[in-house]
Amino acid sequence: QLQLVESGGGLVQTGGSLRLSCTASGRSFSSYAMGWFRQVPGKEREFVAAISWSGGGTRYAESVKGRFTISRDNAKNTVYLQMDSLKPEDTANYFCAADFRLNQRPNAGQSDYEYWGQGIQVIVSS
């Protein structure tokens, strides 16, 4: 079982950057693909980015491709989301999630992820 805790959110101006971190406690973090999702109140949660257990495979939503970078450090049980060139439409609560999967193609579907963090707020001001 994994417990996930996000950090690094906050308020930033349009065009700025933030780096989110998600630290896992529990065993076998390196056996899990990790994903980031986001949700605006009143809207459905949407996929942002995911990374395979080894870091060798990544995928991104079209809306963030070229601006966001997902990475992980298995020695630190941590996955990161570097967010650059932020836009007001990136404002949301961001969640990290874990999917027990040992291939290089991480999933983008919420139902594939077994464990979730509580989320952290990101606000991009215009």
C-alpha atoms as a PDB file:
ATOM      1  CA  GLN A   1       0.000   0.000   0.000  1.00  0.00           C
ATOM      2  CA  LEU A   2       1.163   3.522  -0.740  1.00  0.00           C
ATOM      3  CA  GLN A   3       0.416   6.862   0.830  1.00  0.00           C
ATOM      4  CA  LEU A   4       1.012   9.851  -1.411  1.00  0.00           C
ATOM      5  CA  VAL A   5       1.576  13.446  -0.339  1.00  0.00           C
ATOM      6  CA  GLU A   6       1.806  16.339  -2.775  1.00  0.00           C
ATOM      7  CA  SER A   7       3.720  19.559  -2.173  1.00  0.00           C
ATOM      8  CA  GLY A   8       4.916  22.597  -4.083  1.00  0.00           C
ATOM      9  CA  GLY A   9       1.657  24.177  -5.133  1.00  0.00           C
ATOM     10  CA  GLY A  10       0.751  27.807  -4.750  1.00  0.00           C
ATOM     11  CA  LEU A  11       0.094  31.051  -6.571  1.00  0.00           C
ATOM     12  CA  VAL A  12       2.104  32.046  -9.639  1.00  0.00           C
ATOM     13  CA  GLN A  13       1.732  34.596 -12.399  1.00  0.00           C
ATOM     14  CA  THR A  14       1.039  33.731 -16.007  1.00  0.00           C
ATOM     15  CA  GLY A  15       4.240  32.570 -17.656  1.00  0.00           C
ATOM     16  CA  GLY A  16       5.782  31.481 -14.393  1.00  0.00           C
ATOM     17  CA  SER A  17       6.885  28.076 -13.171  1.00  0.00           C
ATOM     18  CA  LEU A  18       6.148  25.711 -10.323  1.00  0.00           C
ATOM     19  CA  ARG A  19       7.439  22.283  -9.443  1.00  0.00           C
ATOM     20  CA  LEU A  20       5.092  19.863  -7.760  1.00  0.00           C
ATOM     21  CA  SER A  21       6.421  16.942  -5.776  1.00  0.00           C
ATOM     22  CA  CYS A  22       4.677  13.790  -4.671  1.00  0.00           C
ATOM     23  CA  THR A  23       6.372  11.662  -2.052  1.00  0.00           C
ATOM     24  CA  ALA A  24       5.272   8.115  -1.370  1.00  0.00           C
ATOM     25  CA  SER A  25       5.493   6.157   1.817  1.00  0.00           C
ATOM     26  CA  GLY A  26       5.221   2.426   1.737  1.00  0.00           C
ATOM     27  CA  ARG A  27       6.913  -0.352  -0.085  1.00  0.00           C
ATOM     28  CA  SER A  28       7.786  -0.879  -3.719  1.00  0.00           C
ATOM     29  CA  PHE A  29       7.392   2.657  -5.004  1.00  0.00           C
ATOM     30  CA  SER A  30       9.591   1.711  -7.962  1.00  0.00           C
ATOM     31  CA  SER A  31       7.002  -0.889  -9.035  1.00  0.00           C
ATOM     32  CA  TYR A  32       4.393   1.786  -9.705  1.00  0.00           C
ATOM     33  CA  ALA A  33       3.780   3.989 -12.658  1.00  0.00           C
ATOM     34  CA  MET A  34       2.930   7.466 -11.428  1.00  0.00           C
ATOM     35  CA  GLY A  35       0.505   9.983 -12.799  1.00  0.00           C
ATOM     36  CA  TRP A  36      -0.583  13.554 -12.287  1.00  0.00           C
ATOM     37  CA  PHE A  37      -4.188  14.599 -12.726  1.00  0.00           C
ATOM     38  CA  ARG A  38      -5.954  17.882 -12.125  1.00  0.00           C
ATOM     39  CA  GLN A  39      -9.449  19.014 -11.335  1.00  0.00           C
ATOM     40  CA  VAL A  40     -11.248  22.319 -11.380  1.00  0.00           C
ATOM     41  CA  PRO A  41     -14.187  22.455  -8.949  1.00  0.00           C
ATOM     42  CA  GLY A  42     -17.346  21.509 -10.777  1.00  0.00           C
ATOM     43  CA  LYS A  43     -15.480  19.759 -13.585  1.00  0.00           C
ATOM     44  CA  GLU A  44     -14.197  16.252 -14.118  1.00  0.00           C
ATOM     45  CA  ARG A  45     -10.693  15.294 -13.142  1.00  0.00           C
ATOM     46  CA  GLU A  46      -8.390  15.176 -16.152  1.00  0.00           C
ATOM     47  CA  PHE A  47      -5.126  13.505 -16.986  1.00  0.00           C
ATOM     48  CA  VAL A  48      -2.004  15.663 -17.046  1.00  0.00           C
ATOM     49  CA  ALA A  49       1.074  13.429 -17.243  1.00  0.00           C
ATOM     50  CA  ALA A  50       2.358   9.985 -16.329  1.00  0.00           C
ATOM     51  CA  ILE A  51       5.658   8.193 -16.028  1.00  0.00           C
ATOM     52  CA  SER A  52       6.517   4.516 -16.045  1.00  0.00           C
ATOM     53  CA  TRP A  53       8.033   2.684 -13.088  1.00  0.00           C
ATOM     54  CA  SER A  54      11.567   3.127 -14.409  1.00  0.00           C
ATOM     55  CA  GLY A  55      11.125   6.609 -15.824  1.00  0.00           C
ATOM     56  CA  GLY A  56      11.716   5.264 -19.308  1.00  0.00           C
ATOM     57  CA  GLY A  57       8.244   6.010 -20.564  1.00  0.00           C
ATOM     58  CA  THR A  58       6.206   9.202 -20.261  1.00  0.00           C
ATOM     59  CA  ARG A  59       3.009  10.574 -21.694  1.00  0.00           C
ATOM     60  CA  TYR A  60       1.323  13.955 -21.535  1.00  0.00           C
ATOM     61  CA  ALA A  61      -2.005  15.555 -22.182  1.00  0.00           C
ATOM     62  CA  GLU A  62      -1.953  17.665 -25.325  1.00  0.00           C
ATOM     63  CA  SER A  63      -2.765  20.755 -23.311  1.00  0.00           C
ATOM     64  CA  VAL A  64       0.497  20.560 -21.348  1.00  0.00           C
ATOM     65  CA  LYS A  65       2.861  18.971 -23.852  1.00  0.00           C
ATOM     66  CA  GLY A  66       6.006  21.059 -24.233  1.00  0.00           C
ATOM     67  CA  ARG A  67       5.319  23.001 -21.034  1.00  0.00           C
ATOM     68  CA  PHE A  68       5.203  20.343 -18.305  1.00  0.00           C
ATOM     69  CA  THR A  69       7.786  17.677 -17.534  1.00  0.00           C
ATOM     70  CA  ILE A  70       7.244  14.649 -15.334  1.00  0.00           C
ATOM     71  CA  SER A  71      10.172  12.885 -13.700  1.00  0.00           C
ATOM     72  CA  ARG A  72      10.860  10.591 -10.777  1.00  0.00           C
ATOM     73  CA  ASP A  73      13.561   9.677  -8.300  1.00  0.00           C
ATOM     74  CA  ASN A  74      12.971   6.158  -7.065  1.00  0.00           C
ATOM     75  CA  ALA A  75      15.689   6.492  -4.440  1.00  0.00           C
ATOM     76  CA  LYS A  76      13.646   9.308  -2.885  1.00  0.00           C
ATOM     77  CA  ASN A  77      10.223   7.745  -3.511  1.00  0.00           C
ATOM     78  CA  THR A  78       9.256  10.952  -5.255  1.00  0.00           C
ATOM     79  CA  VAL A  79       7.698  11.983  -8.549  1.00  0.00           C
ATOM     80  CA  TYR A  80       7.874  15.539  -9.838  1.00  0.00           C
ATOM     81  CA  LEU A  81       5.872  17.702 -12.185  1.00  0.00           C
ATOM     82  CA  GLN A  82       7.801  20.682 -13.506  1.00  0.00           C
ATOM     83  CA  MET A  83       5.316  23.203 -14.833  1.00  0.00           C
ATOM     84  CA  ASP A  84       6.628  26.013 -17.033  1.00  0.00           C
ATOM     85  CA  SER A  85       4.915  28.712 -19.085  1.00  0.00           C
ATOM     86  CA  LEU A  86       1.892  28.441 -16.847  1.00  0.00           C
ATOM     87  CA  LYS A  87      -1.457  29.730 -18.047  1.00  0.00           C
ATOM     88  CA  PRO A  88      -4.583  30.710 -16.109  1.00  0.00           C
ATOM     89  CA  GLU A  89      -6.285  27.600 -17.492  1.00  0.00           C
ATOM     90  CA  ASP A  90      -3.741  25.484 -15.587  1.00  0.00           C
ATOM     91  CA  THR A  91      -5.384  26.608 -12.357  1.00  0.00           C
ATOM     92  CA  ALA A  92      -6.694  23.503 -10.601  1.00  0.00           C
ATOM     93  CA  ASN A  93      -6.184  21.068  -7.780  1.00  0.00           C
ATOM     94  CA  TYR A  94      -3.421  18.673  -8.784  1.00  0.00           C
ATOM     95  CA  PHE A  95      -3.358  15.057  -7.667  1.00  0.00           C
ATOM     96  CA  CYS A  96      -0.687  12.428  -7.938  1.00  0.00           C
ATOM     97  CA  ALA A  97      -1.620   8.791  -8.290  1.00  0.00           C
ATOM     98  CA  ALA A  98       0.056   5.381  -8.408  1.00  0.00           C
ATOM     99  CA  ASP A  99      -0.632   2.458 -10.753  1.00  0.00           C
ATOM    100  CA  PHE A 100       0.996  -0.912 -10.164  1.00  0.00           C
ATOM    101  CA  ARG A 101       2.363  -1.462 -13.660  1.00  0.00           C
ATOM    102  CA  LEU A 102       5.717  -2.739 -14.868  1.00  0.00           C
ATOM    103  CA  ASN A 103       5.711  -1.752 -18.536  1.00  0.00           C
ATOM    104  CA  GLN A 104       6.966   1.404 -20.189  1.00  0.00           C
ATOM    105  CA  ARG A 105       3.578   2.719 -21.288  1.00  0.00           C
ATOM    106  CA  PRO A 106       1.927   4.488 -18.344  1.00  0.00           C
ATOM    107  CA  ASN A 107      -1.842   4.816 -18.373  1.00  0.00           C
ATOM    108  CA  ALA A 108      -3.860   7.987 -18.720  1.00  0.00           C
ATOM    109  CA  GLY A 109      -7.101   6.660 -17.294  1.00  0.00           C
ATOM    110  CA  GLN A 110      -8.064   7.469 -13.725  1.00  0.00           C
ATOM    111  CA  SER A 111      -9.527   4.023 -13.142  1.00  0.00           C
ATOM    112  CA  ASP A 112      -6.105   2.450 -13.672  1.00  0.00           C
ATOM    113  CA  TYR A 113      -4.641   4.181 -10.621  1.00  0.00           C
ATOM    114  CA  GLU A 114      -5.047   2.509  -7.248  1.00  0.00           C
ATOM    115  CA  TYR A 115      -3.656   5.114  -4.877  1.00  0.00           C
ATOM    116  CA  TRP A 116      -4.223   8.857  -4.784  1.00  0.00           C
ATOM    117  CA  GLY A 117      -2.880  11.828  -2.917  1.00  0.00           C
ATOM    118  CA  GLN A 118      -5.164  14.419  -1.376  1.00  0.00           C
ATOM    119  CA  GLY A 119      -4.301  17.056  -3.932  1.00  0.00           C
ATOM    120  CA  ILE A 120      -2.658  20.429  -3.920  1.00  0.00           C
ATOM    121  CA  GLN A 121      -3.857  23.741  -5.280  1.00  0.00           C
ATOM    122  CA  VAL A 122      -2.198  25.596  -8.124  1.00  0.00           C
ATOM    123  CA  ILE A 123      -3.435  29.068  -9.011  1.00  0.00           C
ATOM    124  CA  VAL A 124      -2.143  30.923 -12.053  1.00  0.00           C
ATOM    125  CA  SER A 125      -3.051  34.584 -12.032  1.00  0.00           C
ATOM    126  CA  SER A 126      -3.537  36.543 -15.243  1.00  0.00           C
END
